[in-house]
Amino acid sequence: MTRAPRAAAPALAVAAVALVLALGGCAAPGGLGVGEPAPAVSVQPRPEELWPAWAVGSPKAPGAAVAMQQPPPEPLPGGPAVPAGGMAAVDPLEVLRADKRMKPFLARGMISEPGRAGIRPPVLHDLTGDGRPELVIGADLESGRSAIAVYTARDGKVVPVLYTSGRRMAVEALGHDLLVRTAANDGAEQAVRYRWDGRRLSVVSDEKRYRKGADL
């Protein structure tokens, strides 16, 4: 009986591997077949400064998950009625007069640039994702502290959905989110990110970053 040459065994193995690859198709390493379109790339929103002049020297840091629960916000007692045009058609000064937390700033008047105490130019930005802008009002004190309030419209009434304060405050809109950057009392730089939860702007991230050489 004539034996087959030993070299035939490796050749058969190579042929078997080639057959398996052929049956499996020519899939790309990422799992896409020939001619299969790649999925669309999701474009991430870029931070948009609401008050660019106040952003100079402000801390910038990403956030970490934080949970917070609060009672649902109520309309401002004595606040102005919201017409069909939404918050864009509401007088910001009337809103401040009705908000006891922001009303004290009215005595300092309006300002158009940083360096003085007063009320920053009101800003309109959609923070709920419904296509209608919310009213964002910021105010600065002589001490260097600032306060930010956000108002939305509900059933024709003005509803405050965020109030926060801090030092060296800069505010950015990241898509429909609001990012507030401040200098913490312990020397850290703090960034808090707020997101609409259906009732208010809630904290979704909060991070402190200590500068090199800062006393801890």
Protein backbone atom coordinates (compact mmCIF):
# COMPACT_ATOMS: atom_id res chain seq x y z
CA MET A 1 0.00 0.00 0.00
CA THR A 2 1.37 3.38 -0.99
CA ARG A 3 1.41 6.03 1.73
CA ALA A 4 0.58 9.70 1.03
CA PRO A 5 3.48 12.09 1.52
CA ARG A 6 3.62 13.66 4.97
CA ALA A 7 3.57 17.17 3.44
CA ALA A 8 -0.08 16.63 2.44
CA ALA A 9 -1.37 16.97 6.03
CA PRO A 10 -0.34 20.63 6.49
CA ALA A 11 -1.66 21.42 3.05
CA LEU A 12 -5.05 19.94 3.95
CA ALA A 13 -5.13 22.00 7.17
CA VAL A 14 -4.44 25.21 5.26
CA ALA A 15 -7.18 24.35 2.78
CA ALA A 16 -9.67 23.72 5.60
CA VAL A 17 -8.92 27.11 7.18
CA ALA A 18 -9.37 28.84 3.83
CA LEU A 19 -12.73 27.09 3.39
CA VAL A 20 -13.95 28.26 6.82
CA LEU A 21 -12.95 31.85 6.04
CA ALA A 22 -14.72 31.69 2.72
CA LEU A 23 -17.94 30.38 4.26
CA GLY A 24 -17.80 33.01 7.01
CA GLY A 25 -17.77 35.86 4.50
CA CYS A 26 -15.50 38.88 4.39
CA ALA A 27 -16.59 40.63 7.53
CA ALA A 28 -14.63 43.62 8.67
CA PRO A 29 -12.97 43.59 12.09
CA GLY A 30 -15.78 45.80 13.41
CA GLY A 31 -18.48 43.33 12.36
CA LEU A 32 -19.61 45.08 9.14
CA GLY A 33 -19.96 43.05 5.99
CA VAL A 34 -18.90 44.17 2.52
CA GLY A 35 -21.13 46.98 1.32
CA GLU A 36 -22.79 47.41 4.74
CA PRO A 37 -22.99 51.12 5.70
CA ALA A 38 -21.32 52.26 8.91
CA PRO A 39 -23.61 53.68 11.62
CA ALA A 40 -23.92 57.45 11.77
CA VAL A 41 -21.61 59.23 14.18
CA SER A 42 -23.46 61.09 16.94
CA VAL A 43 -22.26 64.67 17.19
CA GLN A 44 -21.81 65.71 20.81
CA PRO A 45 -22.79 69.27 21.79
CA ARG A 46 -20.01 71.70 22.61
CA PRO A 47 -20.11 73.98 25.66
CA GLU A 48 -21.69 77.36 24.90
CA GLU A 49 -20.87 80.22 27.24
CA LEU A 50 -24.00 82.09 28.31
CA TRP A 51 -21.93 85.03 29.64
CA PRO A 52 -18.56 84.79 27.83
CA ALA A 53 -17.09 87.84 29.58
CA TRP A 54 -17.60 86.21 32.97
CA ALA A 55 -15.93 82.96 31.87
CA VAL A 56 -12.36 84.29 31.90
CA GLY A 57 -10.30 82.37 34.45
CA SER A 58 -13.21 80.18 35.53
CA PRO A 59 -12.42 76.56 36.48
CA LYS A 60 -13.20 73.83 33.99
CA ALA A 61 -13.67 70.26 35.13
CA PRO A 62 -15.81 67.26 34.18
CA GLY A 63 -18.39 65.88 36.57
CA ALA A 64 -19.20 62.72 38.49
CA ALA A 65 -22.63 61.31 39.15
CA VAL A 66 -24.61 62.82 42.01
CA ALA A 67 -28.26 62.28 43.01
CA MET A 68 -30.50 64.84 44.66
CA GLN A 69 -34.21 64.93 45.46
CA GLN A 70 -36.21 68.09 46.15
CA PRO A 71 -39.89 69.02 46.36
CA PRO A 72 -41.39 69.99 42.96
CA PRO A 73 -41.11 73.71 42.16
CA GLU A 74 -44.16 75.95 42.37
CA PRO A 75 -45.06 79.05 40.30
CA LEU A 76 -43.80 82.38 41.61
CA PRO A 77 -46.46 83.99 43.83
CA GLY A 78 -47.40 87.27 42.20
CA GLY A 79 -45.26 86.53 39.16
CA PRO A 80 -46.15 87.88 35.71
CA ALA A 81 -48.42 85.89 33.40
CA VAL A 82 -46.62 84.14 30.57
CA PRO A 83 -48.12 85.06 27.16
CA ALA A 84 -48.18 82.87 24.08
CA GLY A 85 -44.64 83.94 23.24
CA GLY A 86 -43.32 82.08 26.29
CA MET A 87 -40.54 83.31 28.56
CA ALA A 88 -39.11 85.37 25.70
CA ALA A 89 -42.13 87.68 26.02
CA VAL A 90 -41.87 88.11 29.80
CA ASP A 91 -40.24 91.15 31.43
CA PRO A 92 -37.23 89.79 33.38
CA LEU A 93 -37.49 92.60 35.95
CA GLU A 94 -41.05 91.58 36.77
CA VAL A 95 -39.82 88.04 37.34
CA LEU A 96 -37.12 89.28 39.72
CA ARG A 97 -39.60 91.39 41.66
CA ALA A 98 -41.70 88.27 42.29
CA ASP A 99 -38.75 86.05 43.30
CA LYS A 100 -37.79 86.82 46.91
CA ARG A 101 -34.37 85.21 46.44
CA MET A 102 -33.42 87.41 43.47
CA LYS A 103 -35.36 90.58 44.32
CA PRO A 104 -32.56 92.09 46.49
CA PHE A 105 -30.35 92.34 43.42
CA LEU A 106 -32.73 94.83 41.80
CA ALA A 107 -31.30 97.64 43.94
CA ARG A 108 -27.93 97.20 42.22
CA GLY A 109 -29.34 97.74 38.73
CA MET A 110 -28.31 96.19 35.42
CA ILE A 111 -24.71 95.67 34.30
CA SER A 112 -23.30 94.91 30.84
CA GLU A 113 -19.84 93.63 31.82
CA PRO A 114 -18.08 91.99 34.78
CA GLY A 115 -16.33 93.93 37.50
CA ARG A 116 -19.38 95.59 39.04
CA ALA A 117 -22.24 94.42 41.22
CA GLY A 118 -25.61 94.10 39.53
CA ILE A 119 -27.81 92.01 37.27
CA ARG A 120 -26.24 90.45 34.20
CA PRO A 121 -28.03 90.71 30.84
CA PRO A 122 -30.84 88.09 30.86
CA VAL A 123 -30.28 85.08 28.61
CA LEU A 124 -32.81 82.86 26.83
CA HIS A 125 -31.83 79.22 26.24
CA ASP A 126 -33.81 75.99 25.83
CA LEU A 127 -32.89 73.87 28.86
CA THR A 128 -35.91 71.54 28.87
CA GLY A 129 -35.64 70.29 25.29
CA ASP A 130 -39.17 71.36 24.31
CA GLY A 131 -37.99 73.91 21.76
CA ARG A 132 -38.98 76.90 23.92
CA PRO A 133 -36.30 78.87 25.79
CA GLU A 134 -36.04 79.28 29.51
CA LEU A 135 -35.10 82.59 31.13
CA VAL A 136 -31.66 82.58 32.79
CA ILE A 137 -30.80 85.48 35.10
CA GLY A 138 -27.47 86.03 36.85
CA ALA A 139 -26.51 88.65 39.42
CA ASP A 140 -23.22 89.63 41.05
CA LEU A 141 -22.43 91.00 44.51
CA GLU A 142 -19.62 93.29 45.66
CA SER A 143 -18.16 90.35 47.61
CA GLY A 144 -17.47 88.42 44.41
CA ARG A 145 -20.33 85.99 44.94
CA SER A 146 -22.99 85.50 42.28
CA ALA A 147 -26.43 83.93 41.98
CA ILE A 148 -28.03 82.22 39.00
CA ALA A 149 -31.77 81.57 38.61
CA VAL A 150 -33.59 79.76 35.81
CA TYR A 151 -37.30 80.15 35.07
CA THR A 152 -39.62 78.18 32.80
CA ALA A 153 -43.29 78.54 31.84
CA ARG A 154 -45.99 76.17 33.06
CA ASP A 155 -49.71 76.70 32.44
CA GLY A 156 -49.11 80.38 31.74
CA LYS A 157 -47.15 80.94 34.96
CA VAL A 158 -43.47 81.53 35.75
CA VAL A 159 -41.87 78.61 37.59
CA PRO A 160 -38.34 78.83 39.07
CA VAL A 161 -36.54 75.58 38.25
CA LEU A 162 -33.03 76.39 39.51
CA TYR A 163 -31.33 78.69 41.98
CA THR A 164 -27.65 78.43 42.87
CA SER A 165 -24.86 80.71 44.04
CA GLY A 166 -21.09 80.75 44.35
CA ARG A 167 -17.84 82.65 43.78
CA ARG A 168 -16.23 83.36 40.40
CA MET A 169 -19.29 81.91 38.73
CA ALA A 170 -19.28 81.12 35.01
CA VAL A 171 -22.21 79.44 33.26
CA GLU A 172 -22.28 77.32 30.11
CA ALA A 173 -25.02 75.59 28.17
CA LEU A 174 -24.00 72.10 27.06
CA GLY A 175 -26.83 71.17 24.72
CA HIS A 176 -29.87 71.29 27.00
CA ASP A 177 -27.72 70.94 30.13
CA LEU A 178 -26.43 73.80 32.25
CA LEU A 179 -22.86 73.74 33.55
CA VAL A 180 -22.01 76.09 36.44
CA ARG A 181 -18.35 76.58 37.33
CA THR A 182 -17.33 78.21 40.60
CA ALA A 183 -14.40 78.58 42.99
CA ALA A 184 -15.03 76.58 46.16
CA ASN A 185 -14.24 77.96 49.63
CA ASP A 186 -11.53 75.34 50.18
CA GLY A 187 -9.54 76.50 47.17
CA ALA A 188 -10.88 73.87 44.79
CA GLU A 189 -12.46 74.48 41.41
CA GLN A 190 -16.00 73.09 41.21
CA ALA A 191 -18.15 72.22 38.20
CA VAL A 192 -21.82 71.28 38.67
CA ARG A 193 -23.89 70.05 35.75
CA TYR A 194 -27.69 70.38 35.78
CA ARG A 195 -30.20 68.54 33.57
CA TRP A 196 -33.96 68.79 33.15
CA ASP A 197 -35.70 65.89 34.92
CA GLY A 198 -39.25 66.76 33.88
CA ARG A 199 -39.85 69.12 36.81
CA ARG A 200 -36.62 71.04 37.44
CA LEU A 201 -32.94 71.28 36.61
CA SER A 202 -31.36 68.59 38.80
CA VAL A 203 -27.70 67.92 39.54
CA VAL A 204 -26.30 65.10 37.42
CA SER A 205 -22.61 65.68 38.15
CA ASP A 206 -20.52 67.54 40.69
CA GLU A 207 -16.74 67.54 40.82
CA LYS A 208 -14.03 69.41 42.66
CA ARG A 209 -10.52 69.74 41.30
CA TYR A 210 -7.70 71.06 43.48
CA ARG A 211 -5.09 73.23 41.82
CA LYS A 212 -1.45 72.26 42.25
CA GLY A 213 -0.02 73.91 45.31
CA ALA A 214 -3.43 74.63 46.86
CA ASP A 215 -3.76 74.13 50.62
CA LEU A 216 -6.06 71.17 51.37
